[in-house]
Amino acid sequence: MTQASAIASDRDAIARALETYISGGVSGKSSDMQPAFHSTATIHGYLGPDLIAGPIQGLFDWIDGNGPSPDLTCDIANIDVFETVATARVECHNWSGHRFTDMFTLLKTDGEWKIVSKVFYLHPEH
């Protein structure tokens, strides 16, 4: 496998992990998105004036509490890969009526890409 095809393969695997995350948002079930995350993943960002920071379980609790977002649309805006680390930016619209920009750090561990951190920005309502 050439380096270019290895990078393309990694990008595809990362995109699948991000799609797993997104599918959990649509279904409103954290159990649908959990496979995308490393067990020690974290989340950081502001919901209004409130800083959300800590273990990824905080996201899972939020997902389960909000329920499905059937009109959610997300675009994977960028994936940047270097060997066993990657970053990605996802733009999400209509997530329980909100718009988010999510920044992810991923790690290839045991041959599988997992999200190890999520930092998000909640766009102001207009």
N, C-alpha and C. Protein backbone atom coordinates (compact mmCIF):
# COMPACT_ATOMS: atom_id res chain seq x y z
N MET A 1 0.85 -1.18 0.00
CA MET A 1 0.00 0.00 0.00
C MET A 1 0.90 1.24 0.00
N THR A 2 0.60 2.16 -0.90
CA THR A 2 1.37 3.39 -0.96
C THR A 2 0.97 4.30 0.19
N GLN A 3 1.82 5.30 0.45
CA GLN A 3 1.50 6.23 1.53
C GLN A 3 0.19 6.96 1.23
N ALA A 4 -0.02 7.34 -0.04
CA ALA A 4 -1.25 8.05 -0.41
C ALA A 4 -2.48 7.17 -0.18
N SER A 5 -2.38 5.89 -0.54
CA SER A 5 -3.55 5.02 -0.34
C SER A 5 -3.76 4.72 1.14
N ALA A 6 -2.68 4.66 1.92
CA ALA A 6 -2.81 4.47 3.36
C ALA A 6 -3.52 5.66 3.99
N ILE A 7 -3.16 6.87 3.57
CA ILE A 7 -3.81 8.07 4.09
C ILE A 7 -5.28 8.09 3.69
N ALA A 8 -5.57 7.72 2.44
CA ALA A 8 -6.97 7.67 1.98
C ALA A 8 -7.76 6.65 2.80
N SER A 9 -7.16 5.51 3.08
CA SER A 9 -7.81 4.49 3.88
C SER A 9 -8.07 5.00 5.30
N ASP A 10 -7.08 5.69 5.88
CA ASP A 10 -7.27 6.27 7.21
C ASP A 10 -8.37 7.32 7.20
N ARG A 11 -8.40 8.17 6.18
CA ARG A 11 -9.45 9.19 6.09
C ARG A 11 -10.83 8.55 6.03
N ASP A 12 -10.95 7.48 5.26
CA ASP A 12 -12.23 6.77 5.16
C ASP A 12 -12.63 6.20 6.52
N ALA A 13 -11.67 5.62 7.25
CA ALA A 13 -11.96 5.05 8.56
C ALA A 13 -12.35 6.14 9.55
N ILE A 14 -11.69 7.28 9.48
CA ILE A 14 -12.03 8.41 10.35
C ILE A 14 -13.42 8.91 10.02
N ALA A 15 -13.73 9.04 8.73
CA ALA A 15 -15.06 9.48 8.32
C ALA A 15 -16.13 8.52 8.84
N ARG A 16 -15.86 7.23 8.83
CA ARG A 16 -16.82 6.25 9.37
C ARG A 16 -17.02 6.46 10.87
N ALA A 17 -15.94 6.74 11.60
CA ALA A 17 -16.08 7.02 13.04
C ALA A 17 -16.93 8.26 13.26
N LEU A 18 -16.72 9.29 12.45
CA LEU A 18 -17.51 10.52 12.58
C LEU A 18 -18.96 10.28 12.21
N GLU A 19 -19.21 9.45 11.21
CA GLU A 19 -20.59 9.10 10.84
C GLU A 19 -21.28 8.33 11.96
N THR A 20 -20.53 7.51 12.68
CA THR A 20 -21.08 6.80 13.84
C THR A 20 -21.51 7.81 14.90
N TYR A 21 -20.67 8.80 15.14
CA TYR A 21 -21.00 9.89 16.08
C TYR A 21 -22.29 10.59 15.63
N ILE A 22 -22.35 10.96 14.37
CA ILE A 22 -23.51 11.69 13.83
C ILE A 22 -24.78 10.84 13.93
N SER A 23 -24.67 9.55 13.64
CA SER A 23 -25.86 8.69 13.69
C SER A 23 -26.46 8.65 15.09
N GLY A 24 -25.61 8.76 16.11
CA GLY A 24 -26.12 8.82 17.48
C GLY A 24 -26.88 10.10 17.74
N GLY A 25 -26.46 11.19 17.09
CA GLY A 25 -27.20 12.44 17.21
C GLY A 25 -28.57 12.36 16.57
N VAL A 26 -28.63 11.73 15.41
CA VAL A 26 -29.91 11.57 14.71
C VAL A 26 -30.85 10.69 15.53
N SER A 27 -30.34 9.57 16.03
CA SER A 27 -31.19 8.63 16.76
C SER A 27 -31.51 9.10 18.18
N GLY A 28 -30.64 9.97 18.72
CA GLY A 28 -30.82 10.41 20.10
C GLY A 28 -30.42 9.35 21.10
N LYS A 29 -29.60 8.39 20.66
CA LYS A 29 -29.16 7.30 21.53
C LYS A 29 -27.64 7.31 21.61
N SER A 30 -27.13 7.56 22.80
CA SER A 30 -25.68 7.59 22.95
C SER A 30 -25.05 6.24 22.62
N SER A 31 -25.80 5.17 22.83
CA SER A 31 -25.26 3.84 22.52
C SER A 31 -24.91 3.70 21.04
N ASP A 32 -25.56 4.49 20.17
CA ASP A 32 -25.25 4.45 18.74
C ASP A 32 -23.94 5.16 18.43
N MET A 33 -23.55 6.14 19.24
CA MET A 33 -22.32 6.89 18.97
C MET A 33 -21.13 6.41 19.79
N GLN A 34 -21.36 5.72 20.88
CA GLN A 34 -20.27 5.31 21.77
C GLN A 34 -19.15 4.54 21.07
N PRO A 35 -19.43 3.69 20.07
CA PRO A 35 -18.32 2.98 19.42
C PRO A 35 -17.29 3.90 18.75
N ALA A 36 -17.65 5.14 18.47
CA ALA A 36 -16.72 6.08 17.83
C ALA A 36 -15.69 6.64 18.82
N PHE A 37 -15.96 6.52 20.10
CA PHE A 37 -15.14 7.17 21.13
C PHE A 37 -14.24 6.20 21.88
N HIS A 38 -13.07 6.66 22.22
CA HIS A 38 -12.19 5.94 23.13
C HIS A 38 -12.80 6.02 24.52
N SER A 39 -12.58 5.02 25.33
CA SER A 39 -13.19 4.98 26.67
C SER A 39 -12.75 6.14 27.57
N THR A 40 -11.61 6.76 27.28
CA THR A 40 -11.12 7.87 28.09
C THR A 40 -11.34 9.23 27.43
N ALA A 41 -12.20 9.30 26.41
CA ALA A 41 -12.43 10.55 25.68
C ALA A 41 -12.99 11.64 26.60
N THR A 42 -12.76 12.88 26.17
CA THR A 42 -13.24 14.04 26.91
C THR A 42 -14.02 14.97 25.99
N ILE A 43 -14.75 15.89 26.62
CA ILE A 43 -15.53 16.90 25.90
C ILE A 43 -15.32 18.25 26.59
N HIS A 44 -15.25 19.30 25.76
CA HIS A 44 -15.12 20.67 26.28
C HIS A 44 -15.87 21.62 25.34
N GLY A 45 -16.52 22.60 25.91
CA GLY A 45 -17.19 23.64 25.14
C GLY A 45 -18.20 24.36 26.03
N TYR A 46 -18.79 25.39 25.47
CA TYR A 46 -19.76 26.18 26.21
C TYR A 46 -21.16 25.96 25.67
N LEU A 47 -22.10 25.70 26.58
CA LEU A 47 -23.53 25.75 26.27
C LEU A 47 -24.02 27.03 26.93
N GLY A 48 -24.16 28.08 26.13
CA GLY A 48 -24.45 29.39 26.69
C GLY A 48 -23.28 29.81 27.56
N PRO A 49 -23.53 30.27 28.79
CA PRO A 49 -22.42 30.68 29.66
C PRO A 49 -21.78 29.51 30.41
N ASP A 50 -22.34 28.31 30.26
CA ASP A 50 -21.90 27.17 31.06
C ASP A 50 -20.82 26.37 30.35
N LEU A 51 -19.66 26.25 31.00
CA LEU A 51 -18.58 25.42 30.48
C LEU A 51 -18.92 23.96 30.73
N ILE A 52 -18.89 23.19 29.66
CA ILE A 52 -19.05 21.74 29.74
C ILE A 52 -17.64 21.18 29.58
N ALA A 53 -17.15 20.46 30.57
CA ALA A 53 -15.79 19.95 30.52
C ALA A 53 -15.69 18.68 31.35
N GLY A 54 -15.12 17.66 30.75
CA GLY A 54 -14.93 16.43 31.50
C GLY A 54 -15.03 15.20 30.63
N PRO A 55 -15.32 14.08 31.26
CA PRO A 55 -15.43 12.81 30.53
C PRO A 55 -16.55 12.86 29.49
N ILE A 56 -16.39 12.07 28.44
CA ILE A 56 -17.35 12.06 27.34
C ILE A 56 -18.74 11.61 27.78
N GLN A 57 -18.85 11.01 28.94
CA GLN A 57 -20.15 10.61 29.46
C GLN A 57 -21.10 11.81 29.52
N GLY A 58 -20.55 13.01 29.72
CA GLY A 58 -21.38 14.21 29.71
C GLY A 58 -22.11 14.39 28.39
N LEU A 59 -21.44 14.11 27.28
CA LEU A 59 -22.08 14.16 25.96
C LEU A 59 -23.14 13.07 25.87
N PHE A 60 -22.80 11.87 26.30
CA PHE A 60 -23.75 10.76 26.21
C PHE A 60 -25.02 11.06 27.00
N ASP A 61 -24.86 11.66 28.17
CA ASP A 61 -26.02 12.02 28.98
C ASP A 61 -26.87 13.06 28.26
N TRP A 62 -26.22 14.05 27.62
CA TRP A 62 -26.93 15.09 26.89
C TRP A 62 -27.71 14.49 25.72
N ILE A 63 -27.06 13.59 24.98
CA ILE A 63 -27.70 12.94 23.83
C ILE A 63 -28.95 12.18 24.30
N ASP A 64 -28.80 11.37 25.33
CA ASP A 64 -29.92 10.57 25.81
C ASP A 64 -31.04 11.45 26.37
N GLY A 65 -30.70 12.60 26.93
CA GLY A 65 -31.71 13.50 27.48
C GLY A 65 -32.45 14.30 26.44
N ASN A 66 -31.81 14.57 25.30
CA ASN A 66 -32.45 15.38 24.26
C ASN A 66 -33.30 14.58 23.29
N GLY A 67 -33.02 13.30 23.16
CA GLY A 67 -33.78 12.48 22.23
C GLY A 67 -33.33 12.68 20.80
N PRO A 68 -34.07 12.10 19.85
CA PRO A 68 -33.68 12.12 18.44
C PRO A 68 -33.64 13.53 17.85
N SER A 69 -32.78 13.69 16.86
CA SER A 69 -32.70 14.91 16.04
C SER A 69 -32.80 14.47 14.58
N PRO A 70 -34.01 14.10 14.13
CA PRO A 70 -34.15 13.52 12.79
C PRO A 70 -33.79 14.48 11.66
N ASP A 71 -33.80 15.80 11.93
CA ASP A 71 -33.46 16.77 10.88
C ASP A 71 -32.00 17.20 10.93
N LEU A 72 -31.21 16.53 11.75
CA LEU A 72 -29.79 16.85 11.88
C LEU A 72 -29.06 16.58 10.57
N THR A 73 -28.28 17.57 10.14
CA THR A 73 -27.38 17.39 9.01
C THR A 73 -25.99 17.82 9.45
N CYS A 74 -25.00 17.05 9.07
CA CYS A 74 -23.61 17.35 9.44
C CYS A 74 -22.73 17.18 8.21
N ASP A 75 -21.77 18.07 8.10
CA ASP A 75 -20.78 17.99 7.04
C ASP A 75 -19.40 17.82 7.67
N ILE A 76 -18.67 16.84 7.20
CA ILE A 76 -17.28 16.69 7.62
C ILE A 76 -16.48 17.68 6.80
N ALA A 77 -16.08 18.78 7.44
CA ALA A 77 -15.43 19.87 6.73
C ALA A 77 -13.95 19.63 6.50
N ASN A 78 -13.32 18.86 7.40
CA ASN A 78 -11.88 18.67 7.27
C ASN A 78 -11.45 17.43 8.06
N ILE A 79 -10.51 16.70 7.49
CA ILE A 79 -9.82 15.62 8.19
C ILE A 79 -8.35 15.77 7.88
N ASP A 80 -7.54 15.83 8.92
CA ASP A 80 -6.10 15.95 8.76
C ASP A 80 -5.45 14.78 9.51
N VAL A 81 -4.63 13.99 8.80
CA VAL A 81 -4.07 12.77 9.35
C VAL A 81 -2.55 12.84 9.35
N PHE A 82 -1.94 12.40 10.43
CA PHE A 82 -0.50 12.19 10.48
C PHE A 82 -0.24 10.90 11.25
N GLU A 83 0.12 9.86 10.51
CA GLU A 83 0.45 8.56 11.09
C GLU A 83 -0.69 8.03 11.97
N THR A 84 -0.58 8.14 13.29
CA THR A 84 -1.59 7.57 14.19
C THR A 84 -2.43 8.62 14.90
N VAL A 85 -2.32 9.89 14.48
CA VAL A 85 -3.13 10.95 15.06
C VAL A 85 -3.86 11.69 13.95
N ALA A 86 -5.01 12.26 14.30
CA ALA A 86 -5.79 13.00 13.31
C ALA A 86 -6.64 14.05 14.01
N THR A 87 -7.01 15.07 13.23
CA THR A 87 -7.99 16.05 13.67
C THR A 87 -9.08 16.11 12.62
N ALA A 88 -10.26 16.52 13.07
CA ALA A 88 -11.38 16.64 12.14
C ALA A 88 -12.30 17.75 12.63
N ARG A 89 -12.94 18.43 11.66
CA ARG A 89 -13.94 19.44 11.98
C ARG A 89 -15.24 19.03 11.32
N VAL A 90 -16.31 19.08 12.11
CA VAL A 90 -17.65 18.71 11.63
C VAL A 90 -18.59 19.87 11.91
N GLU A 91 -19.34 20.27 10.89
CA GLU A 91 -20.34 21.34 11.01
C GLU A 91 -21.72 20.68 11.07
N CYS A 92 -22.42 20.89 12.19
CA CYS A 92 -23.72 20.26 12.40
C CYS A 92 -24.82 21.32 12.48
N HIS A 93 -25.90 21.07 11.77
CA HIS A 93 -27.04 21.99 11.72
C HIS A 93 -28.29 21.27 12.20
N ASN A 94 -29.08 22.00 12.97
CA ASN A 94 -30.38 21.52 13.44
C ASN A 94 -30.25 20.33 14.39
N TRP A 95 -29.28 20.42 15.30
CA TRP A 95 -29.13 19.42 16.36
C TRP A 95 -29.96 19.92 17.53
N SER A 96 -31.15 19.37 17.67
CA SER A 96 -32.12 19.86 18.66
C SER A 96 -32.33 21.36 18.50
N GLY A 97 -32.34 21.80 17.24
CA GLY A 97 -32.56 23.21 16.92
C GLY A 97 -31.32 24.08 16.99
N HIS A 98 -30.15 23.50 17.21
CA HIS A 98 -28.92 24.27 17.36
C HIS A 98 -27.92 23.97 16.24
N ARG A 99 -26.98 24.89 16.08
CA ARG A 99 -25.87 24.69 15.15
C ARG A 99 -24.58 24.59 15.97
N PHE A 100 -23.80 23.54 15.69
CA PHE A 100 -22.54 23.31 16.38
C PHE A 100 -21.40 23.17 15.39
N THR A 101 -20.24 23.66 15.77
CA THR A 101 -18.99 23.31 15.12
C THR A 101 -18.23 22.43 16.11
N ASP A 102 -17.92 21.22 15.67
CA ASP A 102 -17.23 20.25 16.51
C ASP A 102 -15.82 20.03 15.98
N MET A 103 -14.86 20.06 16.88
CA MET A 103 -13.47 19.76 16.55
C MET A 103 -13.10 18.49 17.31
N PHE A 104 -12.55 17.53 16.59
CA PHE A 104 -12.21 16.24 17.16
C PHE A 104 -10.72 15.95 17.04
N THR A 105 -10.18 15.29 18.03
CA THR A 105 -8.86 14.69 17.95
C THR A 105 -9.08 13.18 18.00
N LEU A 106 -8.43 12.48 17.09
CA LEU A 106 -8.58 11.03 17.01
C LEU A 106 -7.22 10.37 17.13
N LEU A 107 -7.24 9.14 17.61
CA LEU A 107 -6.03 8.34 17.78
C LEU A 107 -6.29 6.96 17.19
N LYS A 108 -5.32 6.48 16.42
CA LYS A 108 -5.43 5.13 15.89
C LYS A 108 -4.84 4.19 16.94
N THR A 109 -5.70 3.41 17.54
CA THR A 109 -5.28 2.52 18.61
C THR A 109 -5.78 1.12 18.29
N ASP A 110 -4.89 0.15 18.39
CA ASP A 110 -5.22 -1.24 18.02
C ASP A 110 -5.79 -1.32 16.61
N GLY A 111 -5.25 -0.47 15.71
CA GLY A 111 -5.66 -0.49 14.31
C GLY A 111 -6.99 0.17 14.02
N GLU A 112 -7.57 0.84 15.00
CA GLU A 112 -8.90 1.44 14.84
C GLU A 112 -8.86 2.90 15.26
N TRP A 113 -9.51 3.75 14.49
CA TRP A 113 -9.57 5.18 14.80
C TRP A 113 -10.67 5.44 15.83
N LYS A 114 -10.31 6.12 16.91
CA LYS A 114 -11.25 6.47 17.97
C LYS A 114 -11.13 7.95 18.30
N ILE A 115 -12.25 8.59 18.58
CA ILE A 115 -12.26 9.97 19.04
C ILE A 115 -11.76 10.00 20.48
N VAL A 116 -10.73 10.82 20.75
CA VAL A 116 -10.22 10.93 22.11
C VAL A 116 -10.61 12.26 22.75
N SER A 117 -10.98 13.25 21.90
CA SER A 117 -11.48 14.50 22.48
C SER A 117 -12.40 15.20 21.49
N LYS A 118 -13.39 15.86 22.07
CA LYS A 118 -14.33 16.67 21.31
C LYS A 118 -14.35 18.04 21.97
N VAL A 119 -14.14 19.08 21.16
CA VAL A 119 -14.30 20.46 21.59
C VAL A 119 -15.36 21.05 20.67
N PHE A 120 -16.34 21.72 21.25
CA PHE A 120 -17.44 22.21 20.41
C PHE A 120 -17.68 23.69 20.62
N TYR A 121 -18.30 24.29 19.58
CA TYR A 121 -18.75 25.67 19.63
C TYR A 121 -20.23 25.69 19.29
N LEU A 122 -21.04 26.24 20.17
CA LEU A 122 -22.47 26.42 19.94
C LEU A 122 -22.67 27.78 19.31
N HIS A 123 -23.14 27.82 18.08
CA HIS A 123 -23.36 29.09 17.40
C HIS A 123 -24.55 29.82 18.01
N PRO A 124 -24.46 31.15 18.12
CA PRO A 124 -25.59 31.91 18.68
C PRO A 124 -26.82 31.80 17.80
N GLU A 125 -27.97 31.86 18.44
CA GLU A 125 -29.24 31.85 17.70
C GLU A 125 -29.42 33.20 17.02
N HIS A 126 -29.93 33.17 15.81
CA HIS A 126 -30.18 34.44 15.09
C HIS A 126 -31.65 34.66 14.88
